[in-house]
Amino acid sequence: MKKNKINSEIFLNFGKNVNDSGSTEVQIALITFRIKNLKVHFDSNKKDHSSKRGLLCMVSKRRKLLNYLKKKSLSRYKYVIKKLSIRR
């Protein structure tokens, strides 16, 4: 239940409505949330190389989505960067 609540909050904050899960901003926010949660996992599991590979794939996908958003709409890109506090 907690995951669904967090997802719906992300959909509301970054999407057009509660059911908007496909827009670029929502996808970036969801990936960022998953990346931040993996930090806790890596603190206790230092040798989990499979998850580190998954983390690198997520970071790469987020980077590609951010580049796409930057080309498409610079104002939305700046809003997402500021709201998620992603250093760029």
PDB file of N, CA and C in Angstrom:
ATOM      1  N   MET A   1       0.818  -1.201   0.000  1.00  0.00           N
ATOM      2  CA  MET A   1       0.000   0.000   0.000  1.00  0.00           C
ATOM      3  C   MET A   1       0.861   1.264   0.000  1.00  0.00           C
ATOM      4  N   LYS A   2       1.964   1.217   0.700  1.00  0.00           N
ATOM      5  CA  LYS A   2       2.805   2.399   0.798  1.00  0.00           C
ATOM      6  C   LYS A   2       3.370   2.796  -0.566  1.00  0.00           C
ATOM      7  N   LYS A   3       3.750   1.790  -1.363  1.00  0.00           N
ATOM      8  CA  LYS A   3       4.319   2.060  -2.678  1.00  0.00           C
ATOM      9  C   LYS A   3       3.283   2.732  -3.582  1.00  0.00           C
ATOM     10  N   ASN A   4       2.041   2.250  -3.533  1.00  0.00           N
ATOM     11  CA  ASN A   4       0.992   2.855  -4.361  1.00  0.00           C
ATOM     12  C   ASN A   4       0.727   4.292  -3.954  1.00  0.00           C
ATOM     13  N   LYS A   5       0.795   4.579  -2.650  1.00  0.00           N
ATOM     14  CA  LYS A   5       0.576   5.940  -2.167  1.00  0.00           C
ATOM     15  C   LYS A   5       1.674   6.869  -2.675  1.00  0.00           C
ATOM     16  N   ILE A   6       2.904   6.400  -2.616  1.00  0.00           N
ATOM     17  CA  ILE A   6       4.034   7.208  -3.083  1.00  0.00           C
ATOM     18  C   ILE A   6       3.939   7.422  -4.589  1.00  0.00           C
ATOM     19  N   ASN A   7       3.586   6.363  -5.339  1.00  0.00           N
ATOM     20  CA  ASN A   7       3.450   6.503  -6.789  1.00  0.00           C
ATOM     21  C   ASN A   7       2.364   7.502  -7.145  1.00  0.00           C
ATOM     22  N   SER A   8       1.237   7.458  -6.441  1.00  0.00           N
ATOM     23  CA  SER A   8       0.158   8.397  -6.762  1.00  0.00           C
ATOM     24  C   SER A   8       0.568   9.827  -6.419  1.00  0.00           C
ATOM     25  N   GLU A   9       1.373  10.006  -5.372  1.00  0.00           N
ATOM     26  CA  GLU A   9       1.884  11.348  -5.055  1.00  0.00           C
ATOM     27  C   GLU A   9       2.802  11.848  -6.165  1.00  0.00           C
ATOM     28  N   ILE A  10       3.647  10.962  -6.669  1.00  0.00           N
ATOM     29  CA  ILE A  10       4.553  11.334  -7.765  1.00  0.00           C
ATOM     30  C   ILE A  10       3.734  11.673  -9.009  1.00  0.00           C
ATOM     31  N   PHE A  11       2.699  10.866  -9.294  1.00  0.00           N
ATOM     32  CA  PHE A  11       1.848  11.132 -10.457  1.00  0.00           C
ATOM     33  C   PHE A  11       1.178  12.493 -10.333  1.00  0.00           C
ATOM     34  N   LEU A  12       0.723  12.835  -9.125  1.00  0.00           N
ATOM     35  CA  LEU A  12       0.070  14.130  -8.920  1.00  0.00           C
ATOM     36  C   LEU A  12       1.045  15.289  -9.046  1.00  0.00           C
ATOM     37  N   ASN A  13       2.246  15.131  -8.470  1.00  0.00           N
ATOM     38  CA  ASN A  13       3.216  16.221  -8.466  1.00  0.00           C
ATOM     39  C   ASN A  13       3.830  16.481  -9.840  1.00  0.00           C
ATOM     40  N   PHE A  14       4.061  15.423 -10.621  1.00  0.00           N
ATOM     41  CA  PHE A  14       4.786  15.597 -11.872  1.00  0.00           C
ATOM     42  C   PHE A  14       3.938  15.323 -13.109  1.00  0.00           C
ATOM     43  N   GLY A  15       2.814  14.644 -12.947  1.00  0.00           N
ATOM     44  CA  GLY A  15       1.981  14.309 -14.088  1.00  0.00           C
ATOM     45  C   GLY A  15       0.824  15.271 -14.254  1.00  0.00           C
ATOM     46  N   LYS A  16       0.013  14.977 -15.263  1.00  0.00           N
ATOM     47  CA  LYS A  16      -1.147  15.815 -15.531  1.00  0.00           C
ATOM     48  C   LYS A  16      -2.323  15.431 -14.653  1.00  0.00           C
ATOM     49  N   ASN A  17      -2.402  14.139 -14.278  1.00  0.00           N
ATOM     50  CA  ASN A  17      -3.441  13.662 -13.372  1.00  0.00           C
ATOM     51  C   ASN A  17      -2.933  12.423 -12.645  1.00  0.00           C
ATOM     52  N   VAL A  18      -3.797  11.778 -11.871  1.00  0.00           N
ATOM     53  CA  VAL A  18      -3.380  10.628 -11.057  1.00  0.00           C
ATOM     54  C   VAL A  18      -3.005   9.434 -11.923  1.00  0.00           C
ATOM     55  N   ASN A  19      -3.598   9.307 -13.093  1.00  0.00           N
ATOM     56  CA  ASN A  19      -3.349   8.154 -13.954  1.00  0.00           C
ATOM     57  C   ASN A  19      -2.224   8.380 -14.957  1.00  0.00           C
ATOM     58  N   ASP A  20      -1.571   9.512 -14.920  1.00  0.00           N
ATOM     59  CA  ASP A  20      -0.515   9.835 -15.875  1.00  0.00           C
ATOM     60  C   ASP A  20       0.795   9.211 -15.415  1.00  0.00           C
ATOM     61  N   SER A  21       1.105   8.039 -15.967  1.00  0.00           N
ATOM     62  CA  SER A  21       2.341   7.365 -15.583  1.00  0.00           C
ATOM     63  C   SER A  21       3.352   7.336 -16.720  1.00  0.00           C
ATOM     64  N   GLY A  22       3.011   7.898 -17.864  1.00  0.00           N
ATOM     65  CA  GLY A  22       3.887   7.792 -19.014  1.00  0.00           C
ATOM     66  C   GLY A  22       4.630   9.042 -19.391  1.00  0.00           C
ATOM     67  N   SER A  23       4.277  10.169 -18.797  1.00  0.00           N
ATOM     68  CA  SER A  23       4.967  11.401 -19.190  1.00  0.00           C
ATOM     69  C   SER A  23       6.422  11.353 -18.722  1.00  0.00           C
ATOM     70  N   THR A  24       7.241  12.086 -19.406  1.00  0.00           N
ATOM     71  CA  THR A  24       8.678  12.061 -19.143  1.00  0.00           C
ATOM     72  C   THR A  24       9.001  12.472 -17.718  1.00  0.00           C
ATOM     73  N   GLU A  25       8.323  13.504 -17.221  1.00  0.00           N
ATOM     74  CA  GLU A  25       8.589  13.988 -15.870  1.00  0.00           C
ATOM     75  C   GLU A  25       8.280  12.926 -14.822  1.00  0.00           C
ATOM     76  N   VAL A  26       7.181  12.198 -15.005  1.00  0.00           N
ATOM     77  CA  VAL A  26       6.796  11.150 -14.050  1.00  0.00           C
ATOM     78  C   VAL A  26       7.807  10.016 -14.091  1.00  0.00           C
ATOM     79  N   GLN A  27       8.233   9.626 -15.283  1.00  0.00           N
ATOM     80  CA  GLN A  27       9.218   8.553 -15.387  1.00  0.00           C
ATOM     81  C   GLN A  27      10.526   8.935 -14.707  1.00  0.00           C
ATOM     82  N   ILE A  28      10.962  10.176 -14.885  1.00  0.00           N
ATOM     83  CA  ILE A  28      12.195  10.640 -14.240  1.00  0.00           C
ATOM     84  C   ILE A  28      12.035  10.627 -12.725  1.00  0.00           C
ATOM     85  N   ALA A  29      10.887  11.070 -12.232  1.00  0.00           N
ATOM     86  CA  ALA A  29      10.649  11.106 -10.795  1.00  0.00           C
ATOM     87  C   ALA A  29      10.611   9.699 -10.197  1.00  0.00           C
ATOM     88  N   LEU A  30       9.978   8.755 -10.892  1.00  0.00           N
ATOM     89  CA  LEU A  30       9.920   7.382 -10.388  1.00  0.00           C
ATOM     90  C   LEU A  30      11.308   6.738 -10.345  1.00  0.00           C
ATOM     91  N   ILE A  31      12.086   6.951 -11.395  1.00  0.00           N
ATOM     92  CA  ILE A  31      13.437   6.395 -11.417  1.00  0.00           C
ATOM     93  C   ILE A  31      14.286   7.023 -10.320  1.00  0.00           C
ATOM     94  N   THR A  32      14.144   8.319 -10.102  1.00  0.00           N
ATOM     95  CA  THR A  32      14.894   8.996  -9.045  1.00  0.00           C
ATOM     96  C   THR A  32      14.529   8.440  -7.680  1.00  0.00           C
ATOM     97  N   PHE A  33      13.250   8.185  -7.456  1.00  0.00           N
ATOM     98  CA  PHE A  33      12.802   7.606  -6.189  1.00  0.00           C
ATOM     99  C   PHE A  33      13.422   6.224  -5.980  1.00  0.00           C
ATOM    100  N   ARG A  34      13.454   5.405  -7.031  1.00  0.00           N
ATOM    101  CA  ARG A  34      14.045   4.070  -6.921  1.00  0.00           C
ATOM    102  C   ARG A  34      15.551   4.147  -6.672  1.00  0.00           C
ATOM    103  N   ILE A  35      16.231   5.106  -7.298  1.00  0.00           N
ATOM    104  CA  ILE A  35      17.672   5.270  -7.110  1.00  0.00           C
ATOM    105  C   ILE A  35      17.978   5.658  -5.666  1.00  0.00           C
ATOM    106  N   LYS A  36      17.195   6.579  -5.119  1.00  0.00           N
ATOM    107  CA  LYS A  36      17.427   7.011  -3.738  1.00  0.00           C
ATOM    108  C   LYS A  36      17.168   5.883  -2.746  1.00  0.00           C
ATOM    109  N   ASN A  37      16.205   5.014  -3.030  1.00  0.00           N
ATOM    110  CA  ASN A  37      15.934   3.896  -2.132  1.00  0.00           C
ATOM    111  C   ASN A  37      17.023   2.832  -2.188  1.00  0.00           C
ATOM    112  N   LEU A  38      17.719   2.717  -3.306  1.00  0.00           N
ATOM    113  CA  LEU A  38      18.793   1.742  -3.405  1.00  0.00           C
ATOM    114  C   LEU A  38      19.996   2.114  -2.544  1.00  0.00           C
ATOM    115  N   LYS A  39      20.142   3.363  -2.193  1.00  0.00           N
ATOM    116  CA  LYS A  39      21.261   3.785  -1.349  1.00  0.00           C
ATOM    117  C   LYS A  39      21.223   3.063  -0.001  1.00  0.00           C
ATOM    118  N   VAL A  40      20.044   2.917   0.564  1.00  0.00           N
ATOM    119  CA  VAL A  40      19.888   2.204   1.837  1.00  0.00           C
ATOM    120  C   VAL A  40      20.298   0.743   1.670  1.00  0.00           C
ATOM    121  N   HIS A  41      19.923   0.149   0.553  1.00  0.00           N
ATOM    122  CA  HIS A  41      20.268  -1.247   0.284  1.00  0.00           C
ATOM    123  C   HIS A  41      21.780  -1.425   0.194  1.00  0.00           C
ATOM    124  N   PHE A  42      22.458  -0.497  -0.455  1.00  0.00           N
ATOM    125  CA  PHE A  42      23.900  -0.634  -0.634  1.00  0.00           C
ATOM    126  C   PHE A  42      24.678  -0.362   0.644  1.00  0.00           C
ATOM    127  N   ASP A  43      24.103   0.354   1.586  1.00  0.00           N
ATOM    128  CA  ASP A  43      24.783   0.559   2.866  1.00  0.00           C
ATOM    129  C   ASP A  43      24.945  -0.759   3.618  1.00  0.00           C
ATOM    130  N   SER A  44      23.968  -1.648   3.497  1.00  0.00           N
ATOM    131  CA  SER A  44      24.037  -2.920   4.212  1.00  0.00           C
ATOM    132  C   SER A  44      24.548  -4.064   3.336  1.00  0.00           C
ATOM    133  N   ASN A  45      24.529  -3.931   2.020  1.00  0.00           N
ATOM    134  CA  ASN A  45      24.969  -4.985   1.105  1.00  0.00           C
ATOM    135  C   ASN A  45      26.020  -4.437   0.152  1.00  0.00           C
ATOM    136  N   LYS A  46      27.232  -4.334   0.640  1.00  0.00           N
ATOM    137  CA  LYS A  46      28.297  -3.703  -0.127  1.00  0.00           C
ATOM    138  C   LYS A  46      28.737  -4.519  -1.350  1.00  0.00           C
ATOM    139  N   LYS A  47      28.561  -5.841  -1.308  1.00  0.00           N
ATOM    140  CA  LYS A  47      29.062  -6.690  -2.388  1.00  0.00           C
ATOM    141  C   LYS A  47      27.974  -7.125  -3.368  1.00  0.00           C
ATOM    142  N   ASP A  48      26.872  -6.438  -3.375  1.00  0.00           N
ATOM    143  CA  ASP A  48      25.770  -6.782  -4.273  1.00  0.00           C
ATOM    144  C   ASP A  48      26.007  -6.133  -5.633  1.00  0.00           C
ATOM    145  N   HIS A  49      26.785  -6.805  -6.459  1.00  0.00           N
ATOM    146  CA  HIS A  49      27.183  -6.235  -7.751  1.00  0.00           C
ATOM    147  C   HIS A  49      26.048  -6.264  -8.769  1.00  0.00           C
ATOM    148  N   SER A  50      25.128  -7.210  -8.649  1.00  0.00           N
ATOM    149  CA  SER A  50      23.999  -7.277  -9.581  1.00  0.00           C
ATOM    150  C   SER A  50      23.113  -6.046  -9.437  1.00  0.00           C
ATOM    151  N   SER A  51      22.875  -5.654  -8.199  1.00  0.00           N
ATOM    152  CA  SER A  51      22.049  -4.465  -7.969  1.00  0.00           C
ATOM    153  C   SER A  51      22.781  -3.201  -8.390  1.00  0.00           C
ATOM    154  N   LYS A  52      24.106  -3.189  -8.265  1.00  0.00           N
ATOM    155  CA  LYS A  52      24.864  -2.021  -8.717  1.00  0.00           C
ATOM    156  C   LYS A  52      24.750  -1.859 -10.220  1.00  0.00           C
ATOM    157  N   ARG A  53      24.722  -2.976 -10.937  1.00  0.00           N
ATOM    158  CA  ARG A  53      24.544  -2.908 -12.383  1.00  0.00           C
ATOM    159  C   ARG A  53      23.154  -2.353 -12.707  1.00  0.00           C
ATOM    160  N   GLY A  54      22.155  -2.798 -11.966  1.00  0.00           N
ATOM    161  CA  GLY A  54      20.806  -2.281 -12.157  1.00  0.00           C
ATOM    162  C   GLY A  54      20.723  -0.797 -11.870  1.00  0.00           C
ATOM    163  N   LEU A  55      21.445  -0.371 -10.833  1.00  0.00           N
ATOM    164  CA  LEU A  55      21.486   1.052 -10.491  1.00  0.00           C
ATOM    165  C   LEU A  55      22.092   1.859 -11.632  1.00  0.00           C
ATOM    166  N   LEU A  56      23.180   1.368 -12.203  1.00  0.00           N
ATOM    167  CA  LEU A  56      23.817   2.074 -13.316  1.00  0.00           C
ATOM    168  C   LEU A  56      22.883   2.144 -14.530  1.00  0.00           C
ATOM    169  N   CYS A  57      22.112   1.088 -14.762  1.00  0.00           N
ATOM    170  CA  CYS A  57      21.141   1.111 -15.863  1.00  0.00           C
ATOM    171  C   CYS A  57      20.054   2.145 -15.610  1.00  0.00           C
ATOM    172  N   MET A  58      19.597   2.248 -14.346  1.00  0.00           N
ATOM    173  CA  MET A  58      18.574   3.235 -14.013  1.00  0.00           C
ATOM    174  C   MET A  58      19.100   4.651 -14.172  1.00  0.00           C
ATOM    175  N   VAL A  59      20.333   4.883 -13.735  1.00  0.00           N
ATOM    176  CA  VAL A  59      20.935   6.215 -13.863  1.00  0.00           C
ATOM    177  C   VAL A  59      21.072   6.580 -15.338  1.00  0.00           C
ATOM    178  N   SER A  60      21.461   5.613 -16.154  1.00  0.00           N
ATOM    179  CA  SER A  60      21.602   5.854 -17.587  1.00  0.00           C
ATOM    180  C   SER A  60      20.253   6.180 -18.233  1.00  0.00           C
ATOM    181  N   LYS A  61      19.225   5.442 -17.860  1.00  0.00           N
ATOM    182  CA  LYS A  61      17.890   5.689 -18.415  1.00  0.00           C
ATOM    183  C   LYS A  61      17.383   7.062 -18.002  1.00  0.00           C
ATOM    184  N   ARG A  62      17.637   7.444 -16.730  1.00  0.00           N
ATOM    185  CA  ARG A  62      17.215   8.769 -16.268  1.00  0.00           C
ATOM    186  C   ARG A  62      17.956   9.863 -17.027  1.00  0.00           C
ATOM    187  N   ARG A  63      19.238   9.648 -17.280  1.00  0.00           N
ATOM    188  CA  ARG A  63      20.033  10.618 -18.026  1.00  0.00           C
ATOM    189  C   ARG A  63      19.473  10.810 -19.443  1.00  0.00           C
ATOM    190  N   LYS A  64      19.107   9.705 -20.092  1.00  0.00           N
ATOM    191  CA  LYS A  64      18.540   9.784 -21.432  1.00  0.00           C
ATOM    192  C   LYS A  64      17.207  10.519 -21.423  1.00  0.00           C
ATOM    193  N   LEU A  65      16.376  10.239 -20.424  1.00  0.00           N
ATOM    194  CA  LEU A  65      15.086  10.923 -20.324  1.00  0.00           C
ATOM    195  C   LEU A  65      15.280  12.414 -20.057  1.00  0.00           C
ATOM    196  N   LEU A  66      16.260  12.758 -19.222  1.00  0.00           N
ATOM    197  CA  LEU A  66      16.534  14.169 -18.950  1.00  0.00           C
ATOM    198  C   LEU A  66      17.036  14.885 -20.202  1.00  0.00           C
ATOM    199  N   ASN A  67      17.884  14.213 -20.980  1.00  0.00           N
ATOM    200  CA  ASN A  67      18.360  14.820 -22.229  1.00  0.00           C
ATOM    201  C   ASN A  67      17.205  15.055 -23.201  1.00  0.00           C
ATOM    202  N   TYR A  68      16.285  14.089 -23.275  1.00  0.00           N
ATOM    203  CA  TYR A  68      15.118  14.238 -24.141  1.00  0.00           C
ATOM    204  C   TYR A  68      14.256  15.407 -23.684  1.00  0.00           C
ATOM    205  N   LEU A  69      14.027  15.492 -22.373  1.00  0.00           N
ATOM    206  CA  LEU A  69      13.195  16.568 -21.842  1.00  0.00           C
ATOM    207  C   LEU A  69      13.848  17.930 -22.058  1.00  0.00           C
ATOM    208  N   LYS A  70      15.163  17.972 -21.946  1.00  0.00           N
ATOM    209  CA  LYS A  70      15.883  19.228 -22.160  1.00  0.00           C
ATOM    210  C   LYS A  70      15.733  19.711 -23.595  1.00  0.00           C
ATOM    211  N   LYS A  71      15.775  18.769 -24.554  1.00  0.00           N
ATOM    212  CA  LYS A  71      15.583  19.143 -25.958  1.00  0.00           C
ATOM    213  C   LYS A  71      14.143  19.566 -26.224  1.00  0.00           C
ATOM    214  N   LYS A  72      13.203  18.907 -25.571  1.00  0.00           N
ATOM    215  CA  LYS A  72      11.789  19.148 -25.842  1.00  0.00           C
ATOM    216  C   LYS A  72      11.283  20.425 -25.173  1.00  0.00           C
ATOM    217  N   SER A  73      11.611  20.607 -23.890  1.00  0.00           N
ATOM    218  CA  SER A  73      11.118  21.771 -23.158  1.00  0.00           C
ATOM    219  C   SER A  73      12.092  22.124 -22.041  1.00  0.00           C
ATOM    220  N   LEU A  74      12.824  23.200 -22.223  1.00  0.00           N
ATOM    221  CA  LEU A  74      13.839  23.600 -21.258  1.00  0.00           C
ATOM    222  C   LEU A  74      13.212  24.012 -19.920  1.00  0.00           C
ATOM    223  N   SER A  75      12.056  24.651 -19.947  1.00  0.00           N
ATOM    224  CA  SER A  75      11.423  25.087 -18.698  1.00  0.00           C
ATOM    225  C   SER A  75      10.970  23.901 -17.859  1.00  0.00           C
ATOM    226  N   ARG A  76      10.403  22.864 -18.483  1.00  0.00           N
ATOM    227  CA  ARG A  76      10.001  21.669 -17.738  1.00  0.00           C
ATOM    228  C   ARG A  76      11.218  20.928 -17.211  1.00  0.00           C
ATOM    229  N   TYR A  77      12.315  20.917 -17.990  1.00  0.00           N
ATOM    230  CA  TYR A  77      13.560  20.297 -17.564  1.00  0.00           C
ATOM    231  C   TYR A  77      14.092  20.971 -16.297  1.00  0.00           C
ATOM    232  N   LYS A  78      14.134  22.301 -16.293  1.00  0.00           N
ATOM    233  CA  LYS A  78      14.632  23.030 -15.131  1.00  0.00           C
ATOM    234  C   LYS A  78      13.743  22.805 -13.909  1.00  0.00           C
ATOM    235  N   TYR A  79      12.422  22.725 -14.130  1.00  0.00           N
ATOM    236  CA  TYR A  79      11.490  22.480 -13.036  1.00  0.00           C
ATOM    237  C   TYR A  79      11.748  21.111 -12.403  1.00  0.00           C
ATOM    238  N   VAL A  80      11.930  20.086 -13.224  1.00  0.00           N
ATOM    239  CA  VAL A  80      12.155  18.732 -12.714  1.00  0.00           C
ATOM    240  C   VAL A  80      13.479  18.653 -11.965  1.00  0.00           C
ATOM    241  N   ILE A  81      14.524  19.256 -12.518  1.00  0.00           N
ATOM    242  CA  ILE A  81      15.839  19.253 -11.864  1.00  0.00           C
ATOM    243  C   ILE A  81      15.747  19.918 -10.490  1.00  0.00           C
ATOM    244  N   LYS A  82      15.065  21.043 -10.424  1.00  0.00           N
ATOM    245  CA  LYS A  82      14.949  21.777  -9.165  1.00  0.00           C
ATOM    246  C   LYS A  82      14.096  21.011  -8.159  1.00  0.00           C
ATOM    247  N   LYS A  83      12.977  20.470  -8.611  1.00  0.00           N
ATOM    248  CA  LYS A  83      12.031  19.802  -7.717  1.00  0.00           C
ATOM    249  C   LYS A  83      12.623  18.505  -7.152  1.00  0.00           C
ATOM    250  N   LEU A  84      13.383  17.779  -7.957  1.00  0.00           N
ATOM    251  CA  LEU A  84      13.966  16.510  -7.498  1.00  0.00           C
ATOM    252  C   LEU A  84      15.347  16.695  -6.889  1.00  0.00           C
ATOM    253  N   SER A  85      15.867  17.899  -6.937  1.00  0.00           N
ATOM    254  CA  SER A  85      17.218  18.236  -6.461  1.00  0.00           C
ATOM    255  C   SER A  85      18.272  17.297  -7.028  1.00  0.00           C
ATOM    256  N   ILE A  86      18.240  17.197  -8.356  1.00  0.00           N
ATOM    257  CA  ILE A  86      19.249  16.421  -9.083  1.00  0.00           C
ATOM    258  C   ILE A  86      20.338  17.387  -9.483  1.00  0.00           C
ATOM    259  N   ARG A  87      21.561  17.070  -9.168  1.00  0.00           N
ATOM    260  CA  ARG A  87      22.631  17.970  -9.587  1.00  0.00           C
ATOM    261  C   ARG A  87      22.919  17.735 -11.042  1.00  0.00           C
ATOM    262  N   ARG A  88      23.140  18.807 -11.739  1.00  0.00           N
ATOM    263  CA  ARG A  88      23.349  18.727 -13.180  1.00  0.00           C
ATOM    264  C   ARG A  88      24.378  19.726 -13.597  1.00  0.00           C
TER     265      ARG A  88
END
